[in-house]
């Protein structure tokens, strides 16, 4: 039994209509009898298991879409999936970066389709007058951007991982630019809490393989091992190199041979087969982000749309821009 509650008269009527019928047909039969359907309105609610509640709601949505079109469903919520079931979004404008963030930024990435308007978006246009570059990433071309990367829907995380691959390779391994932050912190190579950054760390030249879970299986890749207080550990940066597939000499595991390797995940060529964005454009985006952050002290903004932004968030963390450039909660008002 979950926490779901349903109008008890409606539940009884639906259960009766459900006998011998599939859910959508049962809902159509119930709503087709307007007198019976309207009599049950306003009655007390009763607890019901989540499965039954989900079935009832799903049947109602599918039938309403078929009978009245997308305009017949109002999605009252901020979930990214709200726009999938209807095109009426009863949500206020979402908060966005402050005006000063838009104005100071030298490079702006508008990442993902945004069904709701951010009140700070007009400042993107104002920022372009001082040379600010705007790149849009989404399933459709954007008119106000200098450049648009059109990705297949639901695949932009692959692009973010490829951008991270290039950033780590060129701005952390080949030419260490961003040396601050917590990437040098240690993680135990066993179950347990992170070590933090203790004194007495010794580089013993050892290596170890770590398991990196993926949705399509797992990767075994090597990391450099140090000894801290007698325990084997590795750094956060080493784990990121392994996760993103940035190869280094002398480490075990399967590694990409270069940016054009399509067989190993998270290379620019690998993401091309997933997103449709050419490998060269992914490399270009990563280099422009890295060089801009290097020359401006991190004056880059990524404005996420309706997506799960973990892979995108990691890019800002790599460029040492945490704490700024993201959507902020609305300021409290005293009435």
Protein backbone atom coordinates (compact mmCIF):
# COMPACT_ATOMS: atom_id res chain seq x y z
CA UNK A 1 0.00 0.00 0.00
CA UNK A 2 1.45 3.35 -1.05
CA UNK A 3 0.52 6.91 -0.20
CA UNK A 4 -1.85 7.29 -3.20
CA UNK A 5 -5.44 8.34 -2.62
CA UNK A 6 -8.33 8.22 -5.09
CA UNK A 7 -11.95 9.33 -5.00
CA UNK A 8 -13.62 6.28 -3.47
CA UNK A 9 -16.74 6.43 -5.68
CA UNK A 10 -14.61 6.86 -8.80
CA UNK A 11 -12.45 3.90 -7.77
CA UNK A 12 -15.54 1.70 -7.29
CA UNK A 13 -16.95 2.69 -10.68
CA UNK A 14 -13.62 2.11 -12.41
CA UNK A 15 -13.20 -1.31 -10.77
CA UNK A 16 -16.63 -2.35 -12.04
CA UNK A 17 -15.93 -1.04 -15.54
CA UNK A 18 -12.53 -2.76 -15.55
CA UNK A 19 -14.05 -6.26 -15.45
CA UNK A 20 -13.38 -7.83 -18.83
CA UNK A 21 -11.85 -4.65 -20.30
CA UNK A 22 -8.38 -3.24 -20.59
CA UNK A 23 -7.70 0.02 -18.66
CA UNK A 24 -8.23 2.58 -21.45
CA UNK A 25 -11.47 0.96 -22.61
CA UNK A 26 -12.68 0.81 -19.01
CA UNK A 27 -12.02 4.53 -18.53
CA UNK A 28 -13.77 5.32 -21.83
CA UNK A 29 -16.80 3.30 -20.70
CA UNK A 30 -16.84 5.07 -17.33
CA UNK A 31 -16.57 8.59 -18.71
CA UNK A 32 -19.03 7.79 -21.50
CA UNK A 33 -21.83 7.61 -18.89
CA UNK A 34 -21.79 11.27 -17.90
CA UNK A 35 -24.48 10.99 -15.22
CA UNK A 36 -22.73 8.23 -13.29
CA UNK A 37 -19.32 9.85 -13.78
CA UNK A 38 -20.44 13.24 -12.47
CA UNK A 39 -22.28 11.86 -9.44
CA UNK A 40 -19.01 10.57 -7.99
CA UNK A 41 -17.25 13.93 -8.05
CA UNK A 42 -16.39 15.59 -4.76
CA UNK A 43 -16.64 12.39 -2.74
CA UNK A 44 -14.08 11.46 -0.02
CA UNK A 45 -10.83 9.82 -1.05
CA UNK A 46 -9.61 6.40 -0.06
CA UNK A 47 -6.14 4.89 0.06
CA UNK A 48 -5.16 2.69 -2.87
CA UNK A 49 -2.02 0.86 -3.90
CA UNK A 50 0.31 2.79 -6.20
CA UNK A 51 -0.07 0.31 -9.05
CA UNK A 52 -3.85 0.79 -9.24
CA UNK A 53 -3.50 4.57 -8.94
CA UNK A 54 -0.91 4.66 -11.74
CA UNK A 55 -3.10 2.47 -13.95
CA UNK A 56 -6.12 4.72 -13.42
CA UNK A 57 -4.21 7.92 -14.13
CA UNK A 58 -2.48 6.44 -17.17
CA UNK A 59 -5.77 5.19 -18.62
CA UNK A 60 -7.33 8.63 -18.11
CA UNK A 61 -4.42 10.39 -19.85
CA UNK A 62 -4.31 8.01 -22.83
CA UNK A 63 -8.07 8.18 -23.38
CA UNK A 64 -8.13 11.98 -23.04
CA UNK A 65 -5.27 12.37 -25.53
CA UNK A 66 -7.06 10.14 -28.03
CA UNK A 67 -10.44 11.81 -27.57
CA UNK A 68 -9.49 15.48 -27.18
CA UNK A 69 -5.89 15.86 -28.34
CA UNK A 70 -2.84 17.09 -26.44
CA UNK A 71 -4.62 20.30 -25.45
CA UNK A 72 -6.99 18.23 -23.34
CA UNK A 73 -4.31 17.33 -20.81
CA UNK A 74 -2.86 19.90 -18.41
CA UNK A 75 0.38 18.76 -16.81
CA UNK A 76 0.50 20.57 -13.48
CA UNK A 77 4.08 20.03 -12.44
CA UNK A 78 7.70 20.79 -13.05
CA UNK A 79 8.78 17.33 -14.15
CA UNK A 80 10.75 17.21 -17.41
CA UNK A 81 8.24 14.56 -18.54
CA UNK A 82 5.26 16.90 -18.12
CA UNK A 83 5.49 18.09 -21.71
CA UNK A 84 5.36 14.52 -23.00
CA UNK A 85 1.71 14.01 -22.05
CA UNK A 86 0.35 17.48 -22.74
CA UNK A 87 1.28 20.89 -24.02
CA UNK A 88 -0.40 22.92 -21.27
CA UNK A 89 2.28 23.67 -18.66
CA UNK A 90 0.86 25.46 -15.64
CA UNK A 91 4.20 26.51 -14.19
CA UNK A 92 5.64 29.95 -13.49
CA UNK A 93 8.91 30.97 -15.18
CA UNK A 94 11.82 29.07 -13.68
CA UNK A 95 14.60 31.01 -11.96
CA UNK A 96 17.77 31.42 -13.92
CA UNK A 97 21.23 32.88 -13.61
CA UNK A 98 21.45 36.43 -12.35
CA UNK A 99 21.69 39.27 -14.84
CA UNK A 100 25.31 39.82 -13.84
CA UNK A 101 26.13 36.20 -14.73
CA UNK A 102 24.74 36.67 -18.22
CA UNK A 103 26.58 39.98 -18.61
CA UNK A 104 29.96 38.70 -17.38
CA UNK A 105 29.93 35.44 -19.30
CA UNK A 106 32.18 35.15 -22.32
CA UNK A 107 30.74 31.81 -23.41
CA UNK A 108 27.16 30.59 -22.92
CA UNK A 109 25.82 27.11 -23.64
CA UNK A 110 22.03 26.76 -23.77
CA UNK A 111 21.82 23.02 -23.17
CA UNK A 112 18.59 21.09 -23.71
CA UNK A 113 15.04 21.83 -24.80
CA UNK A 114 13.37 24.27 -22.44
CA UNK A 115 9.58 24.11 -22.26
CA UNK A 116 9.36 26.92 -19.73
CA UNK A 117 10.85 30.36 -20.17
CA UNK A 118 13.68 31.56 -17.96
CA UNK A 119 13.32 35.26 -17.10
CA UNK A 120 17.02 35.94 -17.71
CA UNK A 121 17.16 34.70 -21.31
CA UNK A 122 16.87 38.21 -22.88
CA UNK A 123 20.22 39.01 -21.32
CA UNK A 124 21.79 36.46 -23.64
CA UNK A 125 21.02 38.82 -26.51
CA UNK A 126 22.47 41.76 -24.60
CA UNK A 127 25.66 39.83 -23.83
CA UNK A 128 26.28 39.11 -27.49
CA UNK A 129 26.90 42.81 -28.16
CA UNK A 130 30.17 42.56 -26.23
CA UNK A 131 31.36 39.48 -28.09
CA UNK A 132 29.76 36.77 -26.00
CA UNK A 133 29.42 33.48 -27.89
CA UNK A 134 26.23 31.44 -27.54
CA UNK A 135 26.01 27.75 -28.42
CA UNK A 136 22.66 25.94 -28.30
CA UNK A 137 22.42 22.18 -27.83
CA UNK A 138 19.10 20.44 -28.39
CA UNK A 139 16.92 18.47 -30.79
CA UNK A 140 16.02 21.53 -32.88
CA UNK A 141 17.99 24.46 -34.37
CA UNK A 142 17.97 27.72 -32.39
CA UNK A 143 17.70 31.13 -34.07
CA UNK A 144 19.47 33.28 -31.46
CA UNK A 145 22.62 31.19 -31.06
CA UNK A 146 25.88 31.63 -32.92
CA UNK A 147 26.06 27.88 -33.34
CA UNK A 148 23.61 25.03 -32.79
CA UNK A 149 24.49 21.39 -32.14
CA UNK A 150 21.41 19.37 -33.09
CA UNK A 151 21.44 16.12 -31.11
CA UNK A 152 19.08 13.18 -31.25
CA UNK A 153 16.55 13.38 -28.46
CA UNK A 154 17.68 11.82 -25.20
CA UNK A 155 21.33 11.42 -26.25
CA UNK A 156 22.95 14.68 -25.14
CA UNK A 157 24.62 13.01 -22.13
CA UNK A 158 26.86 11.20 -24.64
CA UNK A 159 27.94 14.58 -26.02
CA UNK A 160 28.66 15.84 -22.50
CA UNK A 161 30.83 12.80 -21.77
CA UNK A 162 32.80 13.34 -24.98
CA UNK A 163 33.32 17.00 -24.11
CA UNK A 164 34.56 15.91 -20.68
CA UNK A 165 36.92 13.42 -22.35
CA UNK A 166 38.54 16.20 -24.39
CA UNK A 167 38.71 18.61 -21.44
CA UNK A 168 40.45 16.04 -19.25
CA UNK A 169 42.86 15.05 -22.01
CA UNK A 170 43.90 18.54 -23.13
CA UNK A 171 43.45 20.71 -20.02
CA UNK A 172 44.36 18.26 -17.23
CA UNK A 173 46.69 15.62 -18.68
CA UNK A 174 48.55 17.15 -21.63
CA UNK A 175 48.62 20.68 -20.22
CA UNK A 176 47.46 21.01 -16.60
CA UNK A 177 45.52 24.28 -16.54
CA UNK A 178 42.98 23.86 -13.75
CA UNK A 179 45.03 22.66 -10.79
CA UNK A 180 42.80 23.81 -7.92
CA UNK A 181 39.72 22.21 -6.44
CA UNK A 182 39.27 18.81 -4.90
CA UNK A 183 40.46 16.60 -7.77
CA UNK A 184 43.57 15.68 -5.78
CA UNK A 185 41.48 14.29 -2.90
CA UNK A 186 41.94 10.60 -2.17
CA UNK A 187 39.45 7.75 -2.38
CA UNK A 188 40.10 4.37 -0.72
CA UNK A 189 40.34 1.45 -3.12
CA UNK A 190 37.96 -0.59 -1.01
CA UNK A 191 34.55 -0.16 0.63
CA UNK A 192 34.60 2.80 2.96
CA UNK A 193 34.50 6.57 3.22
CA UNK A 194 36.84 8.84 1.24
CA UNK A 195 40.16 9.53 2.90
CA UNK A 196 40.07 13.26 2.24
CA UNK A 197 43.55 14.71 1.83
CA UNK A 198 45.78 13.31 4.62
CA UNK A 199 49.46 13.94 5.12
CA UNK A 200 52.08 11.28 4.41
CA UNK A 201 50.87 10.30 0.93
CA UNK A 202 53.44 8.13 -0.92
CA UNK A 203 53.46 7.43 -4.66
CA UNK A 204 54.56 3.79 -4.85
CA UNK A 205 54.23 3.37 -8.60
CA UNK A 206 51.49 0.75 -8.11
CA UNK A 207 48.41 0.44 -10.29
CA UNK A 208 45.00 -1.12 -9.74
CA UNK A 209 41.90 -1.85 -11.80
CA UNK A 210 38.57 -0.34 -10.78
CA UNK A 211 35.06 -1.30 -11.85
CA UNK A 212 33.19 1.52 -13.63
CA UNK A 213 29.46 0.71 -13.94
CA UNK A 214 27.62 1.60 -17.15
CA UNK A 215 24.05 1.11 -18.35
CA UNK A 216 25.37 -1.36 -20.96
CA UNK A 217 27.61 -3.32 -18.59
CA UNK A 218 30.83 -2.31 -16.87
CA UNK A 219 34.35 -1.15 -17.64
CA UNK A 220 37.54 -2.33 -15.98
CA UNK A 221 40.23 0.33 -16.18
CA UNK A 222 43.42 1.02 -14.30
CA UNK A 223 44.23 3.88 -11.93
CA UNK A 224 47.43 5.05 -10.27
CA UNK A 225 47.74 3.91 -6.66
CA UNK A 226 49.21 5.87 -3.74
CA UNK A 227 49.64 4.83 -0.13
CA UNK A 228 48.11 6.95 2.62
CA UNK A 229 48.43 5.67 6.18
CA UNK A 230 49.27 2.25 4.82
CA UNK A 231 46.05 2.02 2.77
CA UNK A 232 45.77 1.86 -0.99
CA UNK A 233 44.06 4.91 -2.48
CA UNK A 234 43.72 6.86 -5.71
CA UNK A 235 42.77 10.42 -6.52
CA UNK A 236 39.46 11.76 -7.78
CA UNK A 237 41.26 12.91 -10.92
CA UNK A 238 42.60 9.39 -11.57
CA UNK A 239 39.07 8.01 -11.31
CA UNK A 240 37.83 10.65 -13.76
CA UNK A 241 40.56 9.75 -16.22
CA UNK A 242 39.46 6.10 -15.99
CA UNK A 243 35.75 6.89 -16.26
CA UNK A 244 36.09 9.19 -19.29
CA UNK A 245 38.59 6.90 -20.99
CA UNK A 246 41.63 9.18 -20.97
CA UNK A 247 44.51 6.78 -21.62
CA UNK A 248 47.89 6.99 -19.85
CA UNK A 249 50.92 4.80 -20.29
CA UNK A 250 51.37 1.77 -18.06
CA UNK A 251 47.79 1.35 -16.86
CA UNK A 252 45.79 -1.87 -17.35
CA UNK A 253 42.39 -2.06 -19.00
CA UNK A 254 40.84 -1.21 -22.36
CA UNK A 255 41.46 2.35 -23.49
CA UNK A 256 40.57 4.39 -26.58
CA UNK A 257 43.35 4.79 -29.12
CA UNK A 258 42.36 8.42 -29.76
CA UNK A 259 39.51 10.81 -30.46
CA UNK A 260 38.59 8.84 -33.61
CA UNK A 261 38.13 5.51 -31.76
CA UNK A 262 34.45 4.54 -32.12
CA UNK A 263 34.73 1.26 -30.22
CA UNK A 264 35.40 2.66 -26.73
CA UNK A 265 32.85 4.86 -24.93
CA UNK A 266 33.07 8.60 -24.35
CA UNK A 267 35.36 9.54 -27.24
CA UNK A 268 34.19 12.22 -29.70
CA UNK A 269 33.88 9.57 -32.44
CA UNK A 270 31.88 7.28 -30.14
CA UNK A 271 29.38 10.00 -29.31
CA UNK A 272 28.94 10.80 -33.01
CA UNK A 273 27.24 7.46 -33.53
CA UNK A 274 24.94 8.14 -30.57
CA UNK A 275 24.04 11.83 -30.93
CA UNK A 276 24.58 12.57 -34.62
CA UNK A 277 26.95 15.45 -33.76
CA UNK A 278 30.21 15.12 -35.67
CA UNK A 279 33.32 14.34 -33.63
CA UNK A 280 35.03 17.52 -34.82
CA UNK A 281 32.22 19.71 -33.49
CA UNK A 282 32.31 17.96 -30.11
CA UNK A 283 36.06 18.57 -29.91
CA UNK A 284 35.56 22.19 -30.94
CA UNK A 285 32.96 22.75 -28.19
CA UNK A 286 35.26 21.27 -25.54
CA UNK A 287 38.25 23.34 -26.65
CA UNK A 288 36.25 26.56 -26.76
CA UNK A 289 34.92 25.93 -23.25
CA UNK A 290 38.38 25.09 -21.93
CA UNK A 291 40.20 28.00 -23.56
CA UNK A 292 37.50 30.49 -22.56
CA UNK A 293 37.58 29.30 -18.95
CA UNK A 294 41.39 29.49 -18.95
CA UNK A 295 41.58 33.02 -20.34
CA UNK A 296 38.64 34.54 -18.45
CA UNK A 297 38.95 32.81 -15.11
CA UNK A 298 35.86 30.69 -15.64
CA UNK A 299 33.44 33.16 -17.23
CA UNK A 300 31.31 30.46 -18.82
CA UNK A 301 27.65 29.66 -18.20
CA UNK A 302 25.72 26.49 -19.02
CA UNK A 303 21.96 27.02 -18.84
CA UNK A 304 20.39 23.56 -18.53
CA UNK A 305 16.96 22.88 -19.93
CA UNK A 306 14.57 20.06 -19.05
CA UNK A 307 17.08 17.26 -18.66
CA UNK A 308 18.97 15.24 -16.11
CA UNK A 309 22.07 17.42 -15.90
CA UNK A 310 24.61 15.26 -14.05
CA UNK A 311 26.91 14.82 -17.07
CA UNK A 312 26.67 18.53 -17.84
CA UNK A 313 27.29 19.54 -14.23
CA UNK A 314 30.57 17.65 -14.31
CA UNK A 315 31.83 19.94 -17.08
CA UNK A 316 31.47 23.03 -14.92
CA UNK A 317 33.15 21.25 -12.02
CA UNK A 318 36.12 20.42 -14.24
CA UNK A 319 36.42 24.05 -15.31
CA UNK A 320 36.45 25.27 -11.69
CA UNK A 321 33.23 27.22 -12.06
CA UNK A 322 31.16 25.66 -9.29
CA UNK A 323 29.20 28.17 -7.26
CA UNK A 324 28.14 30.33 -10.18
CA UNK A 325 26.43 30.28 -13.52
CA UNK A 326 23.52 28.05 -12.52
CA UNK A 327 19.83 28.60 -11.94
CA UNK A 328 19.20 30.19 -8.55
CA UNK A 329 16.16 29.95 -6.28
CA UNK A 330 13.83 32.94 -6.46
CA UNK A 331 14.47 35.67 -3.92
CA UNK A 332 11.95 35.71 -1.03
CA UNK A 333 9.37 38.49 -1.14
CA UNK A 334 7.84 40.23 1.85
CA UNK A 335 4.18 41.01 1.21
